[in-house]
């Protein structure tokens, strides 16, 4: 019985640390009136000594107010808006990984 309790505590701790140890990029302003309209995960496997670049596109019907991008690798990856964005109904994001790392992002778009 003690083993199950210890195992459960370890699993909860790992889940908490994995959710806390990630880099986050925010674009725009979120308040209590914004609502989530789109959520997606972007994964792109690593290649040794190479940077991975992925272009993510979203095209909706309502203007975007806030974009959140969560990096689960906790790396030096970057996210840039290359087209559209806040105030537009579409957005194009350029995700660029750290050298030899994979891209592993969760992207949330709010209106």
PDB file of N, CA and C in Angstrom:
ATOM      1  N   UNK A   1       0.818  -1.192   0.000  1.00  0.00           N
ATOM      2  CA  UNK A   1       0.000   0.000   0.000  1.00  0.00           C
ATOM      3  C   UNK A   1       0.867   1.263   0.000  1.00  0.00           C
ATOM      4  N   UNK A   2       1.973   1.216   0.785  1.00  0.00           N
ATOM      5  CA  UNK A   2       2.870   2.369   0.817  1.00  0.00           C
ATOM      6  C   UNK A   2       3.506   2.603  -0.548  1.00  0.00           C
ATOM      7  N   UNK A   3       3.813   1.527  -1.246  1.00  0.00           N
ATOM      8  CA  UNK A   3       4.449   1.629  -2.556  1.00  0.00           C
ATOM      9  C   UNK A   3       3.555   2.359  -3.550  1.00  0.00           C
ATOM     10  N   UNK A   4       2.272   2.113  -3.511  1.00  0.00           N
ATOM     11  CA  UNK A   4       1.339   2.789  -4.412  1.00  0.00           C
ATOM     12  C   UNK A   4       1.280   4.277  -4.107  1.00  0.00           C
ATOM     13  N   UNK A   5       1.283   4.630  -2.817  1.00  0.00           N
ATOM     14  CA  UNK A   5       1.266   6.041  -2.424  1.00  0.00           C
ATOM     15  C   UNK A   5       2.518   6.771  -2.865  1.00  0.00           C
ATOM     16  N   UNK A   6       3.672   6.131  -2.696  1.00  0.00           N
ATOM     17  CA  UNK A   6       4.942   6.732  -3.111  1.00  0.00           C
ATOM     18  C   UNK A   6       4.983   6.879  -4.622  1.00  0.00           C
ATOM     19  N   UNK A   7       4.541   5.843  -5.335  1.00  0.00           N
ATOM     20  CA  UNK A   7       4.516   5.889  -6.796  1.00  0.00           C
ATOM     21  C   UNK A   7       3.595   6.996  -7.296  1.00  0.00           C
ATOM     22  N   UNK A   8       2.453   7.153  -6.660  1.00  0.00           N
ATOM     23  CA  UNK A   8       1.519   8.209  -7.042  1.00  0.00           C
ATOM     24  C   UNK A   8       2.130   9.588  -6.820  1.00  0.00           C
ATOM     25  N   UNK A   9       2.807   9.781  -5.695  1.00  0.00           N
ATOM     26  CA  UNK A   9       3.474  11.068  -5.427  1.00  0.00           C
ATOM     27  C   UNK A   9       4.551  11.366  -6.460  1.00  0.00           C
ATOM     28  N   UNK A  10       5.307  10.342  -6.838  1.00  0.00           N
ATOM     29  CA  UNK A  10       6.358  10.533  -7.847  1.00  0.00           C
ATOM     30  C   UNK A  10       5.746  10.912  -9.187  1.00  0.00           C
ATOM     31  N   UNK A  11       4.682  10.247  -9.597  1.00  0.00           N
ATOM     32  CA  UNK A  11       4.032  10.566 -10.868  1.00  0.00           C
ATOM     33  C   UNK A  11       3.449  11.979 -10.866  1.00  0.00           C
ATOM     34  N   UNK A  12       2.849  12.389  -9.774  1.00  0.00           N
ATOM     35  CA  UNK A  12       2.302  13.748  -9.682  1.00  0.00           C
ATOM     36  C   UNK A  12       3.420  14.776  -9.756  1.00  0.00           C
ATOM     37  N   UNK A  13       4.531  14.499  -9.080  1.00  0.00           N
ATOM     38  CA  UNK A  13       5.674  15.427  -9.114  1.00  0.00           C
ATOM     39  C   UNK A  13       6.248  15.542 -10.524  1.00  0.00           C
ATOM     40  N   UNK A  14       6.382  14.432 -11.222  1.00  0.00           N
ATOM     41  CA  UNK A  14       6.899  14.461 -12.592  1.00  0.00           C
ATOM     42  C   UNK A  14       5.953  15.233 -13.508  1.00  0.00           C
ATOM     43  N   UNK A  15       4.660  15.022 -13.377  1.00  0.00           N
ATOM     44  CA  UNK A  15       3.687  15.740 -14.199  1.00  0.00           C
ATOM     45  C   UNK A  15       3.759  17.231 -13.927  1.00  0.00           C
ATOM     46  N   UNK A  16       3.898  17.606 -12.660  1.00  0.00           N
ATOM     47  CA  UNK A  16       3.979  19.021 -12.303  1.00  0.00           C
ATOM     48  C   UNK A  16       5.238  19.657 -12.870  1.00  0.00           C
ATOM     49  N   UNK A  17       6.382  18.984 -12.700  1.00  0.00           N
ATOM     50  CA  UNK A  17       7.633  19.541 -13.200  1.00  0.00           C
ATOM     51  C   UNK A  17       7.656  19.643 -14.714  1.00  0.00           C
ATOM     52  N   UNK A  18       7.076  18.680 -15.403  1.00  0.00           N
ATOM     53  CA  UNK A  18       7.069  18.756 -16.869  1.00  0.00           C
ATOM     54  C   UNK A  18       6.177  19.885 -17.358  1.00  0.00           C
ATOM     55  N   UNK A  19       5.130  20.231 -16.611  1.00  0.00           N
ATOM     56  CA  UNK A  19       4.279  21.340 -17.035  1.00  0.00           C
ATOM     57  C   UNK A  19       4.895  22.685 -16.662  1.00  0.00           C
ATOM     58  N   UNK A  20       5.719  22.727 -15.620  1.00  0.00           N
ATOM     59  CA  UNK A  20       6.333  23.984 -15.196  1.00  0.00           C
ATOM     60  C   UNK A  20       7.582  24.280 -16.005  1.00  0.00           C
ATOM     61  N   UNK A  21       8.342  23.263 -16.383  1.00  0.00           N
ATOM     62  CA  UNK A  21       9.621  23.454 -17.050  1.00  0.00           C
ATOM     63  C   UNK A  21       9.456  23.572 -18.553  1.00  0.00           C
ATOM     64  N   UNK A  22       8.792  24.611 -19.002  1.00  0.00           N
ATOM     65  CA  UNK A  22       8.675  24.828 -20.434  1.00  0.00           C
ATOM     66  C   UNK A  22       8.732  26.327 -20.704  1.00  0.00           C
ATOM     67  N   UNK A  23       9.221  26.693 -21.863  1.00  0.00           N
ATOM     68  CA  UNK A  23       9.276  28.091 -22.261  1.00  0.00           C
ATOM     69  C   UNK A  23       7.939  28.476 -22.863  1.00  0.00           C
ATOM     70  N   UNK A  24       7.541  29.696 -22.631  1.00  0.00           N
ATOM     71  CA  UNK A  24       6.244  30.150 -23.112  1.00  0.00           C
ATOM     72  C   UNK A  24       6.407  31.466 -23.848  1.00  0.00           C
ATOM     73  N   UNK A  25       5.732  31.577 -24.979  1.00  0.00           N
ATOM     74  CA  UNK A  25       5.680  32.824 -25.728  1.00  0.00           C
ATOM     75  C   UNK A  25       4.231  33.291 -25.746  1.00  0.00           C
ATOM     76  N   UNK A  26       4.019  34.561 -25.407  1.00  0.00           N
ATOM     77  CA  UNK A  26       2.687  35.155 -25.440  1.00  0.00           C
ATOM     78  C   UNK A  26       2.679  36.309 -26.432  1.00  0.00           C
ATOM     79  N   UNK A  27       1.621  36.379 -27.225  1.00  0.00           N
ATOM     80  CA  UNK A  27       1.418  37.496 -28.142  1.00  0.00           C
ATOM     81  C   UNK A  27       0.020  38.032 -27.874  1.00  0.00           C
ATOM     82  N   UNK A  28      -0.110  39.327 -27.651  1.00  0.00           N
ATOM     83  CA  UNK A  28      -1.412  39.923 -27.395  1.00  0.00           C
ATOM     84  C   UNK A  28      -1.692  40.018 -25.911  1.00  0.00           C
ATOM     85  N   UNK A  29      -2.965  40.209 -25.590  1.00  0.00           N
ATOM     86  CA  UNK A  29      -3.378  40.381 -24.208  1.00  0.00           C
ATOM     87  C   UNK A  29      -4.562  39.477 -23.910  1.00  0.00           C
ATOM     88  N   UNK A  30      -4.426  38.714 -22.843  1.00  0.00           N
ATOM     89  CA  UNK A  30      -5.506  37.811 -22.439  1.00  0.00           C
ATOM     90  C   UNK A  30      -6.220  38.409 -21.226  1.00  0.00           C
ATOM     91  N   UNK A  31      -7.544  38.355 -21.258  1.00  0.00           N
ATOM     92  CA  UNK A  31      -8.331  38.791 -20.109  1.00  0.00           C
ATOM     93  C   UNK A  31      -9.511  37.832 -19.946  1.00  0.00           C
ATOM     94  N   UNK A  32     -10.443  38.172 -19.062  1.00  0.00           N
ATOM     95  CA  UNK A  32     -11.554  37.258 -18.797  1.00  0.00           C
ATOM     96  C   UNK A  32     -12.580  37.233 -19.929  1.00  0.00           C
ATOM     97  N   UNK A  33     -12.443  38.076 -20.938  1.00  0.00           N
ATOM     98  CA  UNK A  33     -13.378  38.083 -22.055  1.00  0.00           C
ATOM     99  C   UNK A  33     -12.863  37.296 -23.262  1.00  0.00           C
ATOM    100  N   UNK A  34     -11.586  36.899 -23.247  1.00  0.00           N
ATOM    101  CA  UNK A  34     -11.064  36.107 -24.357  1.00  0.00           C
ATOM    102  C   UNK A  34     -11.457  34.648 -24.166  1.00  0.00           C
ATOM    103  N   UNK A  35     -11.696  33.972 -25.280  1.00  0.00           N
ATOM    104  CA  UNK A  35     -12.063  32.560 -25.218  1.00  0.00           C
ATOM    105  C   UNK A  35     -11.198  31.768 -26.194  1.00  0.00           C
ATOM    106  N   UNK A  36     -10.908  30.539 -25.827  1.00  0.00           N
ATOM    107  CA  UNK A  36     -10.090  29.668 -26.647  1.00  0.00           C
ATOM    108  C   UNK A  36     -10.865  29.253 -27.889  1.00  0.00           C
ATOM    109  N   UNK A  37     -10.275  29.485 -29.065  1.00  0.00           N
ATOM    110  CA  UNK A  37     -10.947  29.098 -30.310  1.00  0.00           C
ATOM    111  C   UNK A  37     -10.180  28.020 -31.064  1.00  0.00           C
ATOM    112  N   UNK A  38      -8.902  27.811 -30.723  1.00  0.00           N
ATOM    113  CA  UNK A  38      -8.122  26.806 -31.434  1.00  0.00           C
ATOM    114  C   UNK A  38      -6.971  26.335 -30.561  1.00  0.00           C
ATOM    115  N   UNK A  39      -6.713  25.038 -30.559  1.00  0.00           N
ATOM    116  CA  UNK A  39      -5.585  24.460 -29.825  1.00  0.00           C
ATOM    117  C   UNK A  39      -4.990  23.357 -30.690  1.00  0.00           C
ATOM    118  N   UNK A  40      -3.662  23.337 -30.761  1.00  0.00           N
ATOM    119  CA  UNK A  40      -2.989  22.317 -31.565  1.00  0.00           C
ATOM    120  C   UNK A  40      -1.621  22.046 -30.975  1.00  0.00           C
ATOM    121  N   UNK A  41      -1.096  20.853 -31.249  1.00  0.00           N
ATOM    122  CA  UNK A  41       0.267  20.503 -30.867  1.00  0.00           C
ATOM    123  C   UNK A  41       1.096  20.399 -32.131  1.00  0.00           C
ATOM    124  N   UNK A  42       2.300  20.944 -32.080  1.00  0.00           N
ATOM    125  CA  UNK A  42       3.220  20.888 -33.213  1.00  0.00           C
ATOM    126  C   UNK A  42       4.447  20.103 -32.766  1.00  0.00           C
ATOM    127  N   UNK A  43       4.718  18.998 -33.439  1.00  0.00           N
ATOM    128  CA  UNK A  43       5.892  18.182 -33.145  1.00  0.00           C
ATOM    129  C   UNK A  43       6.682  17.993 -34.428  1.00  0.00           C
ATOM    130  N   UNK A  44       7.984  18.133 -34.298  1.00  0.00           N
ATOM    131  CA  UNK A  44       8.883  17.988 -35.431  1.00  0.00           C
ATOM    132  C   UNK A  44      10.157  17.368 -34.882  1.00  0.00           C
ATOM    133  N   UNK A  45      10.526  16.192 -35.330  1.00  0.00           N
ATOM    134  CA  UNK A  45      11.645  15.456 -34.761  1.00  0.00           C
ATOM    135  C   UNK A  45      12.994  16.134 -35.029  1.00  0.00           C
ATOM    136  N   UNK A  46      13.939  15.848 -34.161  1.00  0.00           N
ATOM    137  CA  UNK A  46      15.273  16.448 -34.233  1.00  0.00           C
ATOM    138  C   UNK A  46      16.138  15.761 -35.288  1.00  0.00           C
ATOM    139  N   UNK A  47      17.082  16.538 -35.817  1.00  0.00           N
ATOM    140  CA  UNK A  47      18.141  16.027 -36.673  1.00  0.00           C
ATOM    141  C   UNK A  47      19.450  16.517 -36.054  1.00  0.00           C
ATOM    142  N   UNK A  48      20.416  15.620 -35.817  1.00  0.00           N
ATOM    143  CA  UNK A  48      21.658  16.045 -35.177  1.00  0.00           C
ATOM    144  C   UNK A  48      22.322  17.222 -35.902  1.00  0.00           C
ATOM    145  N   UNK A  49      22.711  18.209 -35.117  1.00  0.00           N
ATOM    146  CA  UNK A  49      23.428  19.407 -35.562  1.00  0.00           C
ATOM    147  C   UNK A  49      22.620  20.307 -36.499  1.00  0.00           C
ATOM    148  N   UNK A  50      21.323  20.121 -36.590  1.00  0.00           N
ATOM    149  CA  UNK A  50      20.475  20.956 -37.454  1.00  0.00           C
ATOM    150  C   UNK A  50      19.407  21.652 -36.619  1.00  0.00           C
ATOM    151  N   UNK A  51      19.016  22.834 -37.070  1.00  0.00           N
ATOM    152  CA  UNK A  51      17.865  23.523 -36.497  1.00  0.00           C
ATOM    153  C   UNK A  51      16.637  23.128 -37.298  1.00  0.00           C
ATOM    154  N   UNK A  52      15.533  22.887 -36.609  1.00  0.00           N
ATOM    155  CA  UNK A  52      14.290  22.522 -37.276  1.00  0.00           C
ATOM    156  C   UNK A  52      13.401  23.747 -37.368  1.00  0.00           C
ATOM    157  N   UNK A  53      12.831  23.988 -38.534  1.00  0.00           N
ATOM    158  CA  UNK A  53      11.936  25.128 -38.753  1.00  0.00           C
ATOM    159  C   UNK A  53      10.600  24.604 -39.244  1.00  0.00           C
ATOM    160  N   UNK A  54       9.552  25.054 -38.611  1.00  0.00           N
ATOM    161  CA  UNK A  54       8.195  24.639 -38.975  1.00  0.00           C
ATOM    162  C   UNK A  54       7.334  25.892 -39.069  1.00  0.00           C
ATOM    163  N   UNK A  55       6.530  25.973 -40.121  1.00  0.00           N
ATOM    164  CA  UNK A  55       5.603  27.090 -40.289  1.00  0.00           C
ATOM    165  C   UNK A  55       4.208  26.588 -39.934  1.00  0.00           C
ATOM    166  N   UNK A  56       3.572  27.256 -38.999  1.00  0.00           N
ATOM    167  CA  UNK A  56       2.237  26.903 -38.536  1.00  0.00           C
ATOM    168  C   UNK A  56       1.270  27.983 -39.011  1.00  0.00           C
ATOM    169  N   UNK A  57       0.159  27.590 -39.608  1.00  0.00           N
ATOM    170  CA  UNK A  57      -0.837  28.543 -40.111  1.00  0.00           C
ATOM    171  C   UNK A  57      -2.199  28.273 -39.493  1.00  0.00           C
ATOM    172  N   UNK A  58      -2.911  29.343 -39.214  1.00  0.00           N
ATOM    173  CA  UNK A  58      -4.285  29.258 -38.730  1.00  0.00           C
ATOM    174  C   UNK A  58      -5.093  30.304 -39.485  1.00  0.00           C
ATOM    175  N   UNK A  59      -6.282  29.918 -39.935  1.00  0.00           N
ATOM    176  CA  UNK A  59      -7.179  30.840 -40.630  1.00  0.00           C
ATOM    177  C   UNK A  59      -8.571  30.640 -40.047  1.00  0.00           C
ATOM    178  N   UNK A  60      -9.089  31.653 -39.354  1.00  0.00           N
ATOM    179  CA  UNK A  60     -10.381  31.540 -38.685  1.00  0.00           C
ATOM    180  C   UNK A  60     -11.387  32.553 -39.185  1.00  0.00           C
ATOM    181  N   UNK A  61     -12.448  32.731 -38.381  1.00  0.00           N
ATOM    182  CA  UNK A  61     -13.525  33.649 -38.763  1.00  0.00           C
ATOM    183  C   UNK A  61     -13.644  34.838 -37.833  1.00  0.00           C
ATOM    184  N   UNK A  62     -12.970  34.808 -36.671  1.00  0.00           N
ATOM    185  CA  UNK A  62     -13.023  35.924 -35.726  1.00  0.00           C
ATOM    186  C   UNK A  62     -11.622  36.478 -35.502  1.00  0.00           C
ATOM    187  N   UNK A  63     -11.506  37.771 -35.214  1.00  0.00           N
ATOM    188  CA  UNK A  63     -10.185  38.363 -34.985  1.00  0.00           C
ATOM    189  C   UNK A  63      -9.486  37.756 -33.761  1.00  0.00           C
ATOM    190  N   UNK A  64      -8.199  37.559 -33.888  1.00  0.00           N
ATOM    191  CA  UNK A  64      -7.381  36.966 -32.830  1.00  0.00           C
ATOM    192  C   UNK A  64      -7.007  38.039 -31.816  1.00  0.00           C
ATOM    193  N   UNK A  65      -7.139  37.704 -30.525  1.00  0.00           N
ATOM    194  CA  UNK A  65      -6.772  38.638 -29.460  1.00  0.00           C
ATOM    195  C   UNK A  65      -5.530  38.205 -28.690  1.00  0.00           C
ATOM    196  N   UNK A  66      -5.259  36.882 -28.659  1.00  0.00           N
ATOM    197  CA  UNK A  66      -4.166  36.383 -27.840  1.00  0.00           C
ATOM    198  C   UNK A  66      -3.667  35.057 -28.406  1.00  0.00           C
ATOM    199  N   UNK A  67      -2.338  34.870 -28.409  1.00  0.00           N
ATOM    200  CA  UNK A  67      -1.722  33.625 -28.858  1.00  0.00           C
ATOM    201  C   UNK A  67      -0.737  33.180 -27.786  1.00  0.00           C
ATOM    202  N   UNK A  68      -0.841  31.912 -27.377  1.00  0.00           N
ATOM    203  CA  UNK A  68       0.090  31.335 -26.402  1.00  0.00           C
ATOM    204  C   UNK A  68       0.778  30.147 -27.048  1.00  0.00           C
ATOM    205  N   UNK A  69       2.119  30.094 -26.912  1.00  0.00           N
ATOM    206  CA  UNK A  69       2.909  28.991 -27.460  1.00  0.00           C
ATOM    207  C   UNK A  69       3.774  28.428 -26.328  1.00  0.00           C
ATOM    208  N   UNK A  70       3.560  27.158 -25.989  1.00  0.00           N
ATOM    209  CA  UNK A  70       4.257  26.507 -24.889  1.00  0.00           C
ATOM    210  C   UNK A  70       5.282  25.523 -25.446  1.00  0.00           C
ATOM    211  N   UNK A  71       6.557  25.712 -25.101  1.00  0.00           N
ATOM    212  CA  UNK A  71       7.652  24.854 -25.555  1.00  0.00           C
ATOM    213  C   UNK A  71       7.898  23.778 -24.504  1.00  0.00           C
ATOM    214  N   UNK A  72       7.567  22.532 -24.808  1.00  0.00           N
ATOM    215  CA  UNK A  72       7.743  21.443 -23.859  1.00  0.00           C
ATOM    216  C   UNK A  72       9.175  20.943 -23.791  1.00  0.00           C
ATOM    217  N   UNK A  73      10.062  21.417 -24.651  1.00  0.00           N
ATOM    218  CA  UNK A  73      11.470  21.033 -24.623  1.00  0.00           C
ATOM    219  C   UNK A  73      12.284  21.911 -23.687  1.00  0.00           C
ATOM    220  N   UNK A  74      11.739  23.064 -23.293  1.00  0.00           N
ATOM    221  CA  UNK A  74      12.452  24.043 -22.469  1.00  0.00           C
ATOM    222  C   UNK A  74      13.817  24.363 -23.091  1.00  0.00           C
ATOM    223  N   UNK A  75      13.801  24.636 -24.373  1.00  0.00           N
ATOM    224  CA  UNK A  75      15.035  24.882 -25.120  1.00  0.00           C
ATOM    225  C   UNK A  75      15.122  26.364 -25.491  1.00  0.00           C
ATOM    226  N   UNK A  76      16.095  26.672 -26.310  1.00  0.00           N
ATOM    227  CA  UNK A  76      16.254  28.045 -26.805  1.00  0.00           C
ATOM    228  C   UNK A  76      15.534  28.235 -28.132  1.00  0.00           C
ATOM    229  N   UNK A  77      14.444  27.534 -28.324  1.00  0.00           N
ATOM    230  CA  UNK A  77      13.653  27.668 -29.551  1.00  0.00           C
ATOM    231  C   UNK A  77      12.989  29.040 -29.574  1.00  0.00           C
ATOM    232  N   UNK A  78      12.549  29.449 -30.766  1.00  0.00           N
ATOM    233  CA  UNK A  78      11.897  30.758 -30.889  1.00  0.00           C
ATOM    234  C   UNK A  78      10.622  30.640 -31.713  1.00  0.00           C
ATOM    235  N   UNK A  79       9.711  31.572 -31.462  1.00  0.00           N
ATOM    236  CA  UNK A  79       8.456  31.659 -32.205  1.00  0.00           C
ATOM    237  C   UNK A  79       8.305  33.098 -32.674  1.00  0.00           C
ATOM    238  N   UNK A  80       8.023  33.275 -33.960  1.00  0.00           N
ATOM    239  CA  UNK A  80       7.815  34.603 -34.536  1.00  0.00           C
ATOM    240  C   UNK A  80       6.541  34.608 -35.360  1.00  0.00           C
ATOM    241  N   UNK A  81       5.836  35.733 -35.318  1.00  0.00           N
ATOM    242  CA  UNK A  81       4.670  35.906 -36.185  1.00  0.00           C
ATOM    243  C   UNK A  81       5.176  36.459 -37.508  1.00  0.00           C
ATOM    244  N   UNK A  82       4.927  35.741 -38.601  1.00  0.00           N
ATOM    245  CA  UNK A  82       5.403  36.190 -39.908  1.00  0.00           C
ATOM    246  C   UNK A  82       4.297  36.795 -40.759  1.00  0.00           C
ATOM    247  N   UNK A  83       3.033  36.523 -40.426  1.00  0.00           N
ATOM    248  CA  UNK A  83       1.921  37.086 -41.188  1.00  0.00           C
ATOM    249  C   UNK A  83       0.679  37.094 -40.311  1.00  0.00           C
ATOM    250  N   UNK A  84      -0.147  38.129 -40.450  1.00  0.00           N
ATOM    251  CA  UNK A  84      -1.383  38.225 -39.664  1.00  0.00           C
ATOM    252  C   UNK A  84      -1.068  38.462 -38.206  1.00  0.00           C
ATOM    253  N   UNK A  85      -1.845  37.808 -37.325  1.00  0.00           N
ATOM    254  CA  UNK A  85      -1.584  37.918 -35.898  1.00  0.00           C
ATOM    255  C   UNK A  85      -2.711  38.592 -35.152  1.00  0.00           C
ATOM    256  N   UNK A  86      -2.351  39.349 -34.143  1.00  0.00           N
ATOM    257  CA  UNK A  86      -3.320  40.006 -33.270  1.00  0.00           C
ATOM    258  C   UNK A  86      -4.111  41.033 -34.069  1.00  0.00           C
ATOM    259  N   UNK A  87      -5.456  40.930 -33.993  1.00  0.00           N
ATOM    260  CA  UNK A  87      -6.331  41.834 -34.730  1.00  0.00           C
ATOM    261  C   UNK A  87      -6.735  41.304 -36.094  1.00  0.00           C
ATOM    262  N   UNK A  88      -6.063  40.271 -36.561  1.00  0.00           N
ATOM    263  CA  UNK A  88      -6.386  39.649 -37.844  1.00  0.00           C
ATOM    264  C   UNK A  88      -7.161  38.355 -37.610  1.00  0.00           C
ATOM    265  N   UNK A  89      -7.740  37.816 -38.672  1.00  0.00           N
ATOM    266  CA  UNK A  89      -8.456  36.547 -38.578  1.00  0.00           C
ATOM    267  C   UNK A  89      -7.561  35.357 -38.915  1.00  0.00           C
ATOM    268  N   UNK A  90      -6.302  35.608 -39.175  1.00  0.00           N
ATOM    269  CA  UNK A  90      -5.356  34.552 -39.529  1.00  0.00           C
ATOM    270  C   UNK A  90      -3.998  34.859 -38.898  1.00  0.00           C
ATOM    271  N   UNK A  91      -3.191  33.836 -38.797  1.00  0.00           N
ATOM    272  CA  UNK A  91      -1.833  34.008 -38.282  1.00  0.00           C
ATOM    273  C   UNK A  91      -0.938  32.948 -38.898  1.00  0.00           C
ATOM    274  N   UNK A  92       0.294  33.324 -39.122  1.00  0.00           N
ATOM    275  CA  UNK A  92       1.328  32.394 -39.555  1.00  0.00           C
ATOM    276  C   UNK A  92       2.485  32.526 -38.577  1.00  0.00           C
ATOM    277  N   UNK A  93       2.833  31.417 -37.927  1.00  0.00           N
ATOM    278  CA  UNK A  93       3.915  31.396 -36.950  1.00  0.00           C
ATOM    279  C   UNK A  93       5.093  30.619 -37.508  1.00  0.00           C
ATOM    280  N   UNK A  94       6.294  31.119 -37.252  1.00  0.00           N
ATOM    281  CA  UNK A  94       7.519  30.414 -37.643  1.00  0.00           C
ATOM    282  C   UNK A  94       8.177  29.917 -36.362  1.00  0.00           C
ATOM    283  N   UNK A  95       8.241  28.599 -36.216  1.00  0.00           N
ATOM    284  CA  UNK A  95       8.844  27.973 -35.048  1.00  0.00           C
ATOM    285  C   UNK A  95      10.223  27.459 -35.431  1.00  0.00           C
ATOM    286  N   UNK A  96      11.228  27.823 -34.660  1.00  0.00           N
ATOM    287  CA  UNK A  96      12.602  27.433 -34.973  1.00  0.00           C
ATOM    288  C   UNK A  96      13.229  26.816 -33.734  1.00  0.00           C
ATOM    289  N   UNK A  97      13.710  25.574 -33.857  1.00  0.00           N
ATOM    290  CA  UNK A  97      14.260  24.857 -32.711  1.00  0.00           C
ATOM    291  C   UNK A  97      15.707  25.249 -32.447  1.00  0.00           C
ATOM    292  N   UNK A  98      16.158  24.853 -31.275  1.00  0.00           N
ATOM    293  CA  UNK A  98      17.570  24.943 -30.954  1.00  0.00           C
ATOM    294  C   UNK A  98      18.282  23.838 -31.743  1.00  0.00           C
ATOM    295  N   UNK A  99      19.546  24.037 -32.054  1.00  0.00           N
ATOM    296  CA  UNK A  99      20.294  23.050 -32.827  1.00  0.00           C
ATOM    297  C   UNK A  99      20.281  21.695 -32.112  1.00  0.00           C
ATOM    298  N   UNK A 100      19.970  20.635 -32.858  1.00  0.00           N
ATOM    299  CA  UNK A 100      19.904  19.251 -32.387  1.00  0.00           C
ATOM    300  C   UNK A 100      18.718  18.952 -31.470  1.00  0.00           C
ATOM    301  N   UNK A 101      17.772  19.867 -31.364  1.00  0.00           N
ATOM    302  CA  UNK A 101      16.572  19.649 -30.561  1.00  0.00           C
ATOM    303  C   UNK A 101      15.366  19.483 -31.469  1.00  0.00           C
ATOM    304  N   UNK A 102      14.349  18.815 -30.967  1.00  0.00           N
ATOM    305  CA  UNK A 102      13.099  18.713 -31.709  1.00  0.00           C
ATOM    306  C   UNK A 102      12.178  19.861 -31.320  1.00  0.00           C
ATOM    307  N   UNK A 103      11.188  20.110 -32.142  1.00  0.00           N
ATOM    308  CA  UNK A 103      10.144  21.082 -31.811  1.00  0.00           C
ATOM    309  C   UNK A 103       9.001  20.328 -31.155  1.00  0.00           C
ATOM    310  N   UNK A 104       8.527  20.831 -30.024  1.00  0.00           N
ATOM    311  CA  UNK A 104       7.401  20.221 -29.324  1.00  0.00           C
ATOM    312  C   UNK A 104       6.628  21.365 -28.663  1.00  0.00           C
ATOM    313  N   UNK A 105       5.644  21.893 -29.387  1.00  0.00           N
ATOM    314  CA  UNK A 105       4.891  23.064 -28.933  1.00  0.00           C
ATOM    315  C   UNK A 105       3.400  22.761 -28.821  1.00  0.00           C
ATOM    316  N   UNK A 106       2.778  23.425 -27.883  1.00  0.00           N
ATOM    317  CA  UNK A 106       1.323  23.499 -27.824  1.00  0.00           C
ATOM    318  C   UNK A 106       0.964  24.948 -28.170  1.00  0.00           C
ATOM    319  N   UNK A 107       0.088  25.126 -29.125  1.00  0.00           N
ATOM    320  CA  UNK A 107      -0.299  26.470 -29.578  1.00  0.00           C
ATOM    321  C   UNK A 107      -1.770  26.669 -29.278  1.00  0.00           C
ATOM    322  N   UNK A 108      -2.078  27.778 -28.606  1.00  0.00           N
ATOM    323  CA  UNK A 108      -3.460  28.125 -28.284  1.00  0.00           C
ATOM    324  C   UNK A 108      -3.761  29.509 -28.846  1.00  0.00           C
ATOM    325  N   UNK A 109      -4.905  29.626 -29.495  1.00  0.00           N
ATOM    326  CA  UNK A 109      -5.332  30.894 -30.091  1.00  0.00           C
ATOM    327  C   UNK A 109      -6.656  31.294 -29.453  1.00  0.00           C
ATOM    328  N   UNK A 110      -6.724  32.545 -28.998  1.00  0.00           N
ATOM    329  CA  UNK A 110      -7.906  33.064 -28.326  1.00  0.00           C
ATOM    330  C   UNK A 110      -8.505  34.232 -29.109  1.00  0.00           C
ATOM    331  N   UNK A 111      -9.827  34.358 -29.028  1.00  0.00           N
ATOM    332  CA  UNK A 111     -10.525  35.473 -29.666  1.00  0.00           C
ATOM    333  C   UNK A 111     -11.319  36.224 -28.619  1.00  0.00           C
TER     334      UNK A 111
END
